[in-house]
Amino acid sequence: MTARERDEEHRASTPLELLFDLCFVVAVSQAGRQLVHDLVEGRAGAGVSGYLFVFWGIWWAWMNFTWFASAYDNDDVPYRVTTLVQICGVLIFAAGIPRAFTDNDWTLSVIGYLVMRLAMTSQWLRASASESRGSGGRRTALRYAVGVAVCQAAWVFLLVVPSGTTRWLFVVLAVAEMLVPLVAEHGQETPWHPHHIEERYGLFTLIVLGETMSAATVAVQSALEEHDALGRLLPIAGGGVLIVFAAWWIYFAAPAHERLSTDRQAIPWGYGHYAIFGSAAAIGAGLEVAVEYTVGGADISARAAGAAVTVPAAVFLIMVWLLHARHFKRGPAQQMVLPLAAAAVLCCLFAGNWAVFAAGMVCAATVAVGVGLGRGTPEGPVSGGASREALPPAEAEGTPSD
């Protein structure tokens, strides 16, 4: 298993990577479903904290595979079989989400992680064996193998500690997990591919946005079957569509790979996507909550129902700006669009039953303002169907539309 070249041309996601991503839809759906249940029942604190813990597990498992595959994917039979084993681990983890969420019982989820990590450790050991003895690449791969194995042993230990300490230890172990790449790549980085990483993150963003649309559609359909509430549901459906479409537009407005040259830029960018992925998926859960409230199925206030959508939408906007968009903005007017939009979306929760629709209008206006400001730059905006990679770097950077 030889390392791939960082400047390899035409490096694109493989069908196996796409299958791996699609299996995470099951886990994302389970996490969202549990969040909806707690929010509808008025247990916002427990629901949000449970969601943050569970979604971290989903995100980190995806991260481990994605960055390894960007550097070492040779698509031979052993690699494919090992990846399919990891997929089985993902499905086991997803099956354990309801118990982890509601009962703080992580047994099945940890078993799923154990399956994934055994496969991941074997991949790193195989990568180290392919490097020449004494090389920096060999040391990096061995550090990853040891770090992953030690952390996984700690996760198994988590099952036998008193239940009251589980979540505190979870935080400690999560921090330890995220330190592994920093330690392992000290001295020599793995040859992950900037274009490939950008595409992989973009595809997972599409997956969570698609799950949001699916969850909202199912919620509206169920409400219509049980209640004659079409007129009350239309503003939620319309606002939800506008939010998701604006989220897509804003996220893909500028090319991320131009800033991903070393671990110093890539690791904060990659880690920050925990909030981007989590908030994007939570928007769908919030739309379900809003539908439940509208048809009388949720014993919560209108403000709480609106916050279920507006809070994750605001988090998404501010995190996209913080991690990515601000680096491509020109002038204070462009820089302030997304932060002001995030604040305006939060204010929409005071709109009562119209909170979702109001947030959707704010998101649509954000895109329109961004496009208008982009037209004011010397290069002019990129047309809706144009590829930024086909433009000179200065022109591509100068015209983000969010």
Protein backbone atom coordinates (compact mmCIF):
# COMPACT_ATOMS: atom_id res chain seq x y z
CA MET A 1 0.00 0.00 0.00
CA THR A 2 2.04 2.91 -1.29
CA ALA A 3 1.21 6.50 -0.44
CA ARG A 4 -0.44 8.56 -3.15
CA GLU A 5 0.94 11.83 -4.48
CA ARG A 6 -0.47 15.05 -3.00
CA ASP A 7 -0.35 16.73 -6.42
CA GLU A 8 -1.89 13.77 -8.28
CA GLU A 9 -4.09 14.91 -11.15
CA HIS A 10 -7.77 13.99 -11.48
CA ARG A 11 -7.95 12.68 -7.91
CA ALA A 12 -11.66 12.08 -7.32
CA SER A 13 -13.88 10.20 -4.90
CA THR A 14 -14.26 6.50 -5.66
CA PRO A 15 -17.48 4.46 -5.74
CA LEU A 16 -16.33 2.70 -2.55
CA GLU A 17 -15.95 6.04 -0.77
CA LEU A 18 -19.42 7.04 -1.91
CA LEU A 19 -20.85 3.77 -0.58
CA PHE A 20 -19.08 4.40 2.73
CA ASP A 21 -20.65 7.86 2.93
CA LEU A 22 -24.12 6.60 2.12
CA CYS A 23 -23.95 4.12 5.00
CA PHE A 24 -23.50 7.08 7.32
CA VAL A 25 -26.93 8.32 6.26
CA VAL A 26 -28.34 5.61 8.53
CA ALA A 27 -26.39 6.93 11.51
CA VAL A 28 -27.22 10.58 10.79
CA SER A 29 -30.90 9.67 10.47
CA GLN A 30 -30.87 7.83 13.80
CA ALA A 31 -29.23 10.77 15.58
CA GLY A 32 -31.73 13.21 14.09
CA ARG A 33 -34.68 11.03 15.01
CA GLN A 34 -33.61 10.87 18.65
CA LEU A 35 -33.05 14.64 18.73
CA VAL A 36 -36.56 15.24 17.40
CA HIS A 37 -38.06 12.96 20.05
CA ASP A 38 -36.39 14.80 22.91
CA LEU A 39 -37.15 18.27 21.56
CA VAL A 40 -40.81 17.45 20.98
CA GLU A 41 -41.04 16.14 24.55
CA GLY A 42 -39.55 19.36 25.89
CA ARG A 43 -36.19 17.84 26.88
CA ALA A 44 -34.05 20.27 24.92
CA GLY A 45 -31.00 20.04 27.20
CA ALA A 46 -30.85 16.25 27.17
CA GLY A 47 -31.64 16.14 23.46
CA VAL A 48 -28.96 18.60 22.39
CA SER A 49 -26.26 17.09 24.61
CA GLY A 50 -27.09 13.56 23.47
CA TYR A 51 -27.05 14.69 19.85
CA LEU A 52 -23.64 16.36 20.24
CA PHE A 53 -22.12 13.21 21.74
CA VAL A 54 -23.62 10.83 19.19
CA PHE A 55 -22.86 13.04 16.22
CA TRP A 56 -19.26 13.35 17.34
CA GLY A 57 -18.97 9.57 17.05
CA ILE A 58 -20.47 9.65 13.55
CA TRP A 59 -18.24 12.50 12.40
CA TRP A 60 -15.03 11.10 13.84
CA ALA A 61 -15.52 7.66 12.32
CA TRP A 62 -16.06 9.32 8.94
CA MET A 63 -13.00 11.55 9.45
CA ASN A 64 -10.72 8.60 10.23
CA PHE A 65 -11.57 6.83 7.01
CA THR A 66 -11.67 9.91 4.78
CA TRP A 67 -8.20 11.26 5.54
CA PHE A 68 -6.60 7.82 5.39
CA ALA A 69 -8.26 7.09 2.05
CA SER A 70 -7.09 10.42 0.65
CA ALA A 71 -3.48 9.43 1.35
CA TYR A 72 -3.34 5.65 0.85
CA ASP A 73 -6.32 4.34 -1.15
CA ASN A 74 -4.96 1.80 -3.67
CA ASP A 75 -8.33 0.11 -4.27
CA ASP A 76 -6.99 -3.45 -4.22
CA VAL A 77 -8.86 -6.44 -2.80
CA PRO A 78 -7.51 -6.22 0.80
CA TYR A 79 -8.31 -2.51 0.92
CA ARG A 80 -11.86 -3.07 -0.35
CA VAL A 81 -12.53 -5.92 2.09
CA THR A 82 -11.18 -3.92 5.03
CA THR A 83 -13.35 -0.96 4.06
CA LEU A 84 -16.42 -3.18 3.87
CA VAL A 85 -15.63 -4.36 7.41
CA GLN A 86 -15.53 -0.71 8.46
CA ILE A 87 -18.94 -0.21 6.86
CA CYS A 88 -20.30 -3.08 8.99
CA GLY A 89 -18.94 -1.25 12.02
CA VAL A 90 -20.75 1.91 10.95
CA LEU A 91 -24.05 0.04 10.74
CA ILE A 92 -23.53 -1.53 14.18
CA PHE A 93 -22.72 1.90 15.61
CA ALA A 94 -25.89 3.31 14.04
CA ALA A 95 -27.98 0.52 15.56
CA GLY A 96 -26.68 1.47 19.00
CA ILE A 97 -27.48 5.17 18.72
CA PRO A 98 -30.99 5.03 20.30
CA ARG A 99 -29.64 3.30 23.42
CA ALA A 100 -26.67 5.66 23.67
CA PHE A 101 -28.94 8.64 23.22
CA THR A 102 -31.75 7.80 25.62
CA ASP A 103 -30.19 5.40 28.15
CA ASN A 104 -26.51 6.43 28.02
CA ASP A 105 -25.83 2.81 27.05
CA TRP A 106 -22.89 2.83 24.64
CA THR A 107 -22.33 -0.92 24.48
CA LEU A 108 -23.52 -1.54 20.93
CA SER A 109 -22.01 1.70 19.64
CA VAL A 110 -18.62 0.87 21.15
CA ILE A 111 -18.79 -2.59 19.55
CA GLY A 112 -19.41 -0.90 16.21
CA TYR A 113 -16.45 1.38 16.83
CA LEU A 114 -14.31 -1.61 17.79
CA VAL A 115 -15.08 -3.24 14.43
CA MET A 116 -14.23 -0.02 12.59
CA ARG A 117 -11.04 0.60 14.55
CA LEU A 118 -9.68 -2.92 14.16
CA ALA A 119 -10.01 -2.44 10.41
CA MET A 120 -8.53 1.08 10.60
CA THR A 121 -5.55 -0.10 12.67
CA SER A 122 -4.84 -2.86 10.17
CA GLN A 123 -4.90 -0.28 7.37
CA TRP A 124 -2.33 1.88 9.16
CA LEU A 125 -0.13 -1.14 9.88
CA ARG A 126 -0.30 -2.11 6.24
CA ALA A 127 0.62 1.43 5.22
CA SER A 128 3.60 1.42 7.60
CA ALA A 129 4.80 -1.92 6.22
CA SER A 130 4.79 -0.43 2.72
CA GLU A 131 7.11 2.40 3.74
CA SER A 132 10.86 1.95 3.86
CA ARG A 133 12.34 1.14 7.28
CA GLY A 134 13.25 4.24 9.26
CA SER A 135 11.34 6.61 6.97
CA GLY A 136 9.15 9.43 8.22
CA GLY A 137 6.11 7.93 6.52
CA ARG A 138 6.61 4.65 8.36
CA ARG A 139 6.83 6.41 11.73
CA THR A 140 3.70 8.45 10.98
CA ALA A 141 1.67 5.37 10.05
CA LEU A 142 2.86 3.48 13.15
CA ARG A 143 1.94 6.41 15.39
CA TYR A 144 -1.53 6.38 13.90
CA ALA A 145 -1.88 2.63 14.43
CA VAL A 146 -0.78 2.85 18.07
CA GLY A 147 -2.88 5.95 18.77
CA VAL A 148 -6.03 4.45 17.28
CA ALA A 149 -5.53 1.16 19.14
CA VAL A 150 -4.88 2.83 22.51
CA CYS A 151 -7.89 5.13 22.18
CA GLN A 152 -10.12 2.23 21.21
CA ALA A 153 -9.00 0.27 24.26
CA ALA A 154 -10.01 3.28 26.34
CA TRP A 155 -13.45 3.31 24.69
CA VAL A 156 -13.94 -0.32 25.72
CA PHE A 157 -12.94 0.63 29.29
CA LEU A 158 -15.68 3.28 29.14
CA LEU A 159 -18.26 0.48 29.26
CA VAL A 160 -17.28 -0.63 32.78
CA VAL A 161 -17.08 2.76 34.52
CA PRO A 162 -20.04 4.09 36.58
CA SER A 163 -22.74 5.49 34.32
CA GLY A 164 -22.57 8.89 35.99
CA THR A 165 -19.02 9.43 34.73
CA THR A 166 -19.54 8.14 31.21
CA ARG A 167 -20.11 11.45 29.49
CA TRP A 168 -17.28 13.22 31.29
CA LEU A 169 -14.90 10.46 30.24
CA PHE A 170 -16.37 10.62 26.75
CA VAL A 171 -15.18 14.22 26.46
CA VAL A 172 -11.68 13.26 27.66
CA LEU A 173 -11.46 10.41 25.16
CA ALA A 174 -12.80 12.58 22.34
CA VAL A 175 -10.03 15.11 23.00
CA ALA A 176 -7.47 12.29 23.08
CA GLU A 177 -8.76 10.99 19.75
CA MET A 178 -8.41 14.40 18.12
CA LEU A 179 -4.86 14.73 19.41
CA VAL A 180 -3.78 11.54 17.61
CA PRO A 181 -3.42 13.19 14.16
CA LEU A 182 -1.49 16.10 15.69
CA VAL A 183 0.98 13.71 17.31
CA ALA A 184 1.15 11.21 14.47
CA GLU A 185 1.84 13.77 11.74
CA HIS A 186 4.46 15.69 13.70
CA GLY A 187 7.59 15.63 11.55
CA GLN A 188 5.96 14.27 8.39
CA GLU A 189 2.43 14.70 7.11
CA THR A 190 0.46 12.03 5.34
CA PRO A 191 0.04 12.85 1.62
CA TRP A 192 -3.66 13.67 1.70
CA HIS A 193 -4.91 15.37 -1.46
CA PRO A 194 -6.43 18.92 -1.14
CA HIS A 195 -8.82 18.58 -4.09
CA HIS A 196 -9.90 15.13 -2.94
CA ILE A 197 -10.45 16.25 0.67
CA GLU A 198 -12.49 19.23 -0.49
CA GLU A 199 -14.65 16.96 -2.64
CA ARG A 200 -15.14 14.42 0.15
CA TYR A 201 -16.24 17.11 2.60
CA GLY A 202 -18.51 18.62 -0.02
CA LEU A 203 -20.14 15.28 -0.71
CA PHE A 204 -20.79 14.65 2.98
CA THR A 205 -22.29 18.14 3.26
CA LEU A 206 -24.65 17.21 0.42
CA ILE A 207 -25.53 13.99 2.24
CA VAL A 208 -26.52 15.75 5.48
CA LEU A 209 -28.44 18.42 3.55
CA GLY A 210 -30.20 15.67 1.63
CA GLU A 211 -31.06 13.93 4.90
CA THR A 212 -32.49 17.24 6.11
CA MET A 213 -34.74 17.48 3.06
CA SER A 214 -35.79 13.85 3.43
CA ALA A 215 -36.62 14.18 7.12
CA ALA A 216 -38.66 17.34 6.53
CA THR A 217 -40.54 15.74 3.64
CA VAL A 218 -41.46 12.67 5.68
CA ALA A 219 -42.61 14.87 8.56
CA VAL A 220 -44.85 16.97 6.31
CA GLN A 221 -46.24 13.86 4.61
CA SER A 222 -47.08 12.24 7.94
CA ALA A 223 -48.73 15.42 9.18
CA LEU A 224 -50.88 15.68 6.07
CA GLU A 225 -51.99 12.07 6.43
CA GLU A 226 -53.09 12.58 10.03
CA HIS A 227 -54.14 16.24 10.02
CA ASP A 228 -55.71 18.61 7.55
CA ALA A 229 -53.01 21.24 7.99
CA LEU A 230 -51.74 22.03 4.50
CA GLY A 231 -52.10 25.78 4.91
CA ARG A 232 -50.18 25.78 8.19
CA LEU A 233 -47.44 23.50 6.86
CA LEU A 234 -46.71 25.37 3.64
CA PRO A 235 -44.70 28.16 5.34
CA ILE A 236 -42.55 25.55 7.08
CA ALA A 237 -41.99 23.61 3.87
CA GLY A 238 -41.19 26.77 1.91
CA GLY A 239 -38.89 28.15 4.58
CA GLY A 240 -37.11 24.80 4.93
CA VAL A 241 -36.44 24.57 1.20
CA LEU A 242 -35.03 28.11 1.16
CA ILE A 243 -32.75 27.37 4.13
CA VAL A 244 -31.36 24.19 2.59
CA PHE A 245 -30.87 25.73 -0.85
CA ALA A 246 -29.14 28.76 0.67
CA ALA A 247 -26.93 26.48 2.79
CA TRP A 248 -25.86 24.64 -0.36
CA TRP A 249 -25.19 27.88 -2.25
CA ILE A 250 -23.17 29.42 0.58
CA TYR A 251 -21.09 26.33 1.33
CA PHE A 252 -20.05 25.79 -2.29
CA ALA A 253 -19.49 29.46 -3.16
CA ALA A 254 -15.69 29.34 -3.09
CA PRO A 255 -13.00 26.63 -3.56
CA ALA A 256 -11.63 25.36 -0.25
CA HIS A 257 -8.66 23.43 -1.65
CA GLU A 258 -6.74 26.64 -2.34
CA ARG A 259 -6.22 27.06 1.40
CA LEU A 260 -5.56 23.40 2.25
CA SER A 261 -1.83 23.13 1.69
CA THR A 262 -0.57 21.86 5.08
CA ASP A 263 -1.94 20.32 8.28
CA ARG A 264 -1.81 23.75 9.88
CA GLN A 265 -4.68 24.90 7.65
CA ALA A 266 -6.37 21.57 7.00
CA ILE A 267 -6.78 20.21 10.54
CA PRO A 268 -8.71 23.21 11.96
CA TRP A 269 -10.76 23.30 8.76
CA GLY A 270 -11.51 19.58 8.98
CA TYR A 271 -12.25 19.59 12.69
CA GLY A 272 -14.51 22.63 12.36
CA HIS A 273 -16.75 20.66 10.04
CA TYR A 274 -18.08 18.83 13.07
CA ALA A 275 -20.19 21.94 13.68
CA ILE A 276 -21.03 22.36 9.99
CA PHE A 277 -22.16 18.76 9.49
CA GLY A 278 -23.92 18.62 12.85
CA SER A 279 -25.83 21.86 12.34
CA ALA A 280 -26.81 20.97 8.78
CA ALA A 281 -28.27 17.66 9.94
CA ALA A 282 -29.94 19.34 12.94
CA ILE A 283 -31.82 21.71 10.62
CA GLY A 284 -33.77 18.69 9.36
CA ALA A 285 -34.56 17.61 12.90
CA GLY A 286 -35.69 21.16 13.65
CA LEU A 287 -38.02 21.16 10.67
CA GLU A 288 -39.59 17.96 11.97
CA VAL A 289 -40.08 19.60 15.37
CA ALA A 290 -41.69 22.64 13.72
CA VAL A 291 -44.09 20.37 11.85
CA GLU A 292 -44.96 18.47 15.04
CA TYR A 293 -45.65 21.74 16.86
CA THR A 294 -47.81 23.07 14.04
CA VAL A 295 -50.13 20.04 14.08
CA GLY A 296 -50.29 19.96 17.88
CA GLY A 297 -47.95 17.04 18.43
CA ALA A 298 -45.36 18.87 20.51
CA ASP A 299 -45.90 20.24 23.99
CA ILE A 300 -43.48 23.15 23.57
CA SER A 301 -43.73 26.87 22.88
CA ALA A 302 -43.71 28.46 19.43
CA ARG A 303 -40.36 30.04 20.28
CA ALA A 304 -38.85 26.67 21.17
CA ALA A 305 -40.14 25.18 17.92
CA GLY A 306 -38.66 28.07 15.95
CA ALA A 307 -35.33 27.79 17.79
CA ALA A 308 -35.07 24.15 16.70
CA VAL A 309 -34.55 25.45 13.15
CA THR A 310 -33.06 28.91 13.57
CA VAL A 311 -30.28 27.96 16.01
CA PRO A 312 -28.68 25.24 13.84
CA ALA A 313 -29.17 27.40 10.73
CA ALA A 314 -27.33 30.28 12.42
CA VAL A 315 -24.55 27.93 13.56
CA PHE A 316 -24.15 26.68 10.00
CA LEU A 317 -23.86 30.21 8.59
CA ILE A 318 -21.34 31.44 11.13
CA MET A 319 -19.19 28.30 10.92
CA VAL A 320 -19.01 28.40 7.12
CA TRP A 321 -17.92 32.02 7.39
CA LEU A 322 -15.39 31.31 10.15
CA LEU A 323 -13.75 28.29 8.56
CA HIS A 324 -13.87 29.18 4.92
CA ALA A 325 -15.83 32.06 3.41
CA ARG A 326 -14.09 34.90 5.26
CA HIS A 327 -10.80 34.04 3.58
CA PHE A 328 -12.30 34.84 0.18
CA LYS A 329 -14.13 38.05 1.04
CA ARG A 330 -13.10 41.52 -0.09
CA GLY A 331 -13.94 44.51 2.04
CA PRO A 332 -16.07 44.89 5.19
CA ALA A 333 -19.38 44.72 3.32
CA GLN A 334 -18.71 41.20 2.03
CA GLN A 335 -17.17 40.13 5.33
CA MET A 336 -20.24 41.10 7.33
CA VAL A 337 -22.87 39.36 5.20
CA LEU A 338 -22.77 35.94 6.88
CA PRO A 339 -22.30 37.10 10.51
CA LEU A 340 -25.21 39.53 10.15
CA ALA A 341 -27.28 36.85 8.45
CA ALA A 342 -26.62 34.43 11.33
CA ALA A 343 -27.78 37.07 13.83
CA ALA A 344 -30.88 37.82 11.74
CA VAL A 345 -31.75 34.11 11.52
CA LEU A 346 -31.54 33.83 15.30
CA CYS A 347 -33.90 36.80 15.65
CA CYS A 348 -36.44 34.93 13.52
CA LEU A 349 -37.26 32.66 16.45
CA PHE A 350 -39.32 35.59 17.80
CA ALA A 351 -41.58 35.37 14.74
CA GLY A 352 -43.68 32.68 16.37
CA ASN A 353 -45.40 30.34 13.92
CA TRP A 354 -43.66 32.09 11.02
CA ALA A 355 -40.12 31.58 12.38
CA VAL A 356 -39.09 28.96 9.80
CA PHE A 357 -40.46 30.92 6.86
CA ALA A 358 -38.79 34.11 8.15
CA ALA A 359 -35.47 32.29 8.52
CA GLY A 360 -35.81 30.96 4.98
CA MET A 361 -36.39 34.46 3.65
CA VAL A 362 -33.34 35.74 5.52
CA CYS A 363 -31.20 32.95 4.05
CA ALA A 364 -32.51 33.68 0.54
CA ALA A 365 -31.80 37.38 1.04
CA THR A 366 -28.28 36.50 2.21
CA VAL A 367 -27.58 34.74 -1.06
CA ALA A 368 -29.08 37.62 -3.05
CA VAL A 369 -26.99 40.20 -1.19
CA GLY A 370 -23.86 38.09 -1.66
CA VAL A 371 -24.48 37.84 -5.39
CA GLY A 372 -25.09 41.58 -5.57
CA LEU A 373 -21.86 42.38 -3.74
CA GLY A 374 -20.02 39.91 -5.94
CA ARG A 375 -21.17 41.83 -8.99
CA GLY A 376 -19.48 44.88 -7.54
CA THR A 377 -16.01 43.28 -7.71
CA PRO A 378 -13.81 43.92 -10.77
CA GLU A 379 -14.03 40.32 -11.92
CA GLY A 380 -17.79 39.99 -11.60
CA PRO A 381 -19.68 36.94 -10.29
CA VAL A 382 -19.31 33.39 -11.43
CA SER A 383 -22.41 32.22 -13.24
CA GLY A 384 -24.54 29.61 -11.53
CA GLY A 385 -23.28 26.67 -13.54
CA ALA A 386 -19.65 27.68 -13.99
CA SER A 387 -16.79 25.78 -12.40
CA ARG A 388 -14.41 27.87 -10.35
CA GLU A 389 -11.56 25.54 -11.16
CA ALA A 390 -11.76 26.74 -14.75
CA LEU A 391 -11.04 30.33 -13.70
CA PRO A 392 -7.71 32.00 -12.90
CA PRO A 393 -7.03 31.94 -9.13
CA ALA A 394 -7.52 35.67 -8.63
CA GLU A 395 -10.88 35.58 -10.36
CA ALA A 396 -12.07 32.52 -8.49
CA GLU A 397 -11.17 34.02 -5.12
CA GLY A 398 -12.72 37.37 -5.81
CA THR A 399 -16.25 36.30 -6.54
CA PRO A 400 -17.78 34.12 -3.83
CA SER A 401 -21.52 34.61 -3.85
CA ASP A 402 -22.40 34.15 -0.19
